[in-house]
């Protein structure tokens, strides 16, 4: 497996995770604290998270298919982008698990 497959998954996992945390704070501000401007903030962040989550799904599915994950594991990685902070923990576990596969696939350089 190429390093780029893992890198693009990791990048989108972080972006999706950060946007989901921002969205959570925005929802708290909008509904619980009734903060002015929280509605527009939430709208922008939710749109960004929604579109980037679709890209995250594509990259995570590509990574899972190349790593030959079982469907249960793949489903957990795909769902991690919808649970605040889960994307960070899942990304860390996946990166540690796949690091040897990426290292073995890299050609030796002189």
Protein backbone atom coordinates (compact mmCIF):
# COMPACT_ATOMS: atom_id res chain seq x y z
CA UNK A 1 0.00 0.00 0.00
CA UNK A 2 1.25 3.46 -0.85
CA UNK A 3 1.94 6.06 1.81
CA UNK A 4 -0.31 8.52 -0.03
CA UNK A 5 -3.39 6.35 0.62
CA UNK A 6 -2.78 6.47 4.36
CA UNK A 7 -1.81 10.15 4.33
CA UNK A 8 -4.95 11.33 2.57
CA UNK A 9 -7.10 9.26 4.93
CA UNK A 10 -5.32 10.74 7.95
CA UNK A 11 -5.70 14.30 6.64
CA UNK A 12 -9.44 13.91 6.09
CA UNK A 13 -9.88 12.15 9.44
CA UNK A 14 -8.36 15.17 11.21
CA UNK A 15 -10.33 17.70 9.17
CA UNK A 16 -13.58 15.79 9.67
CA UNK A 17 -12.91 15.43 13.38
CA UNK A 18 -12.13 19.11 13.88
CA UNK A 19 -15.20 20.20 11.92
CA UNK A 20 -17.40 17.85 13.90
CA UNK A 21 -16.12 19.27 17.18
CA UNK A 22 -16.72 22.80 15.89
CA UNK A 23 -20.20 21.76 14.82
CA UNK A 24 -20.89 20.34 18.28
CA UNK A 25 -19.81 23.60 19.91
CA UNK A 26 -21.91 25.53 17.41
CA UNK A 27 -24.98 23.45 18.22
CA UNK A 28 -24.45 23.99 21.93
CA UNK A 29 -24.11 27.70 21.31
CA UNK A 30 -27.17 27.79 19.08
CA UNK A 31 -29.58 25.69 21.12
CA UNK A 32 -28.34 25.66 24.72
CA UNK A 33 -26.73 29.07 25.08
CA UNK A 34 -28.73 31.01 22.45
CA UNK A 35 -25.62 32.85 21.21
CA UNK A 36 -26.05 35.41 18.43
CA UNK A 37 -24.33 34.28 15.25
CA UNK A 38 -24.25 30.62 16.27
CA UNK A 39 -26.90 29.76 13.68
CA UNK A 40 -24.85 31.08 10.77
CA UNK A 41 -21.66 29.51 12.17
CA UNK A 42 -23.43 26.17 12.51
CA UNK A 43 -24.78 26.39 8.97
CA UNK A 44 -21.34 27.00 7.45
CA UNK A 45 -19.59 24.34 9.53
CA UNK A 46 -22.31 21.76 8.90
CA UNK A 47 -22.06 22.27 5.14
CA UNK A 48 -18.28 21.97 5.22
CA UNK A 49 -18.41 18.89 7.43
CA UNK A 50 -21.07 17.27 5.26
CA UNK A 51 -19.17 17.64 2.02
CA UNK A 52 -15.80 16.75 3.50
CA UNK A 53 -17.32 13.74 5.26
CA UNK A 54 -18.27 12.37 1.84
CA UNK A 55 -14.63 12.73 0.75
CA UNK A 56 -13.57 11.08 4.05
CA UNK A 57 -15.88 8.14 3.25
CA UNK A 58 -14.29 7.68 -0.16
CA UNK A 59 -10.74 7.80 1.24
CA UNK A 60 -11.56 5.54 4.20
CA UNK A 61 -13.27 3.01 1.92
CA UNK A 62 -10.27 3.06 -0.43
CA UNK A 63 -7.92 2.51 2.50
CA UNK A 64 -10.06 -0.29 3.92
CA UNK A 65 -10.32 -2.10 0.61
CA UNK A 66 -6.56 -1.92 0.07
CA UNK A 67 -5.92 -3.11 3.64
CA UNK A 68 -8.49 -5.90 3.13
CA UNK A 69 -10.44 -5.05 6.28
CA UNK A 70 -13.52 -7.04 7.26
CA UNK A 71 -16.83 -5.20 6.84
CA UNK A 72 -17.27 -4.60 10.58
CA UNK A 73 -13.96 -2.80 10.89
CA UNK A 74 -14.59 -0.80 7.74
CA UNK A 75 -18.01 0.22 9.02
CA UNK A 76 -16.51 1.42 12.33
CA UNK A 77 -13.92 3.54 10.49
CA UNK A 78 -16.63 5.01 8.25
CA UNK A 79 -18.90 5.85 11.20
CA UNK A 80 -16.03 7.42 13.19
CA UNK A 81 -16.47 10.64 11.23
CA UNK A 82 -19.92 11.14 12.77
CA UNK A 83 -18.99 10.77 16.45
CA UNK A 84 -17.21 13.76 18.01
CA UNK A 85 -13.54 12.90 18.79
CA UNK A 86 -13.88 9.30 17.54
CA UNK A 87 -12.11 10.12 14.28
CA UNK A 88 -8.94 11.04 16.18
CA UNK A 89 -8.80 7.77 18.13
CA UNK A 90 -9.69 5.60 15.15
CA UNK A 91 -7.17 7.40 12.93
CA UNK A 92 -4.40 6.81 15.48
CA UNK A 93 -5.22 3.11 15.77
CA UNK A 94 -5.46 2.67 11.99
CA UNK A 95 -2.18 4.53 11.40
CA UNK A 96 -0.31 2.36 13.90
CA UNK A 97 -1.81 -0.79 12.45
CA UNK A 98 -1.02 0.06 8.84
CA UNK A 99 2.43 1.64 9.34
CA UNK A 100 4.22 -1.72 8.87
CA UNK A 101 2.27 -2.40 5.66
CA UNK A 102 3.24 0.99 4.25
CA UNK A 103 6.87 0.55 5.33
CA UNK A 104 7.05 -2.89 3.72
CA UNK A 105 5.62 -1.55 0.47
CA UNK A 106 8.13 1.30 0.20
CA UNK A 107 11.04 0.49 -2.15
CA UNK A 108 14.53 0.62 -0.67
CA UNK A 109 16.32 3.84 -1.54
CA UNK A 110 20.04 4.18 -1.90
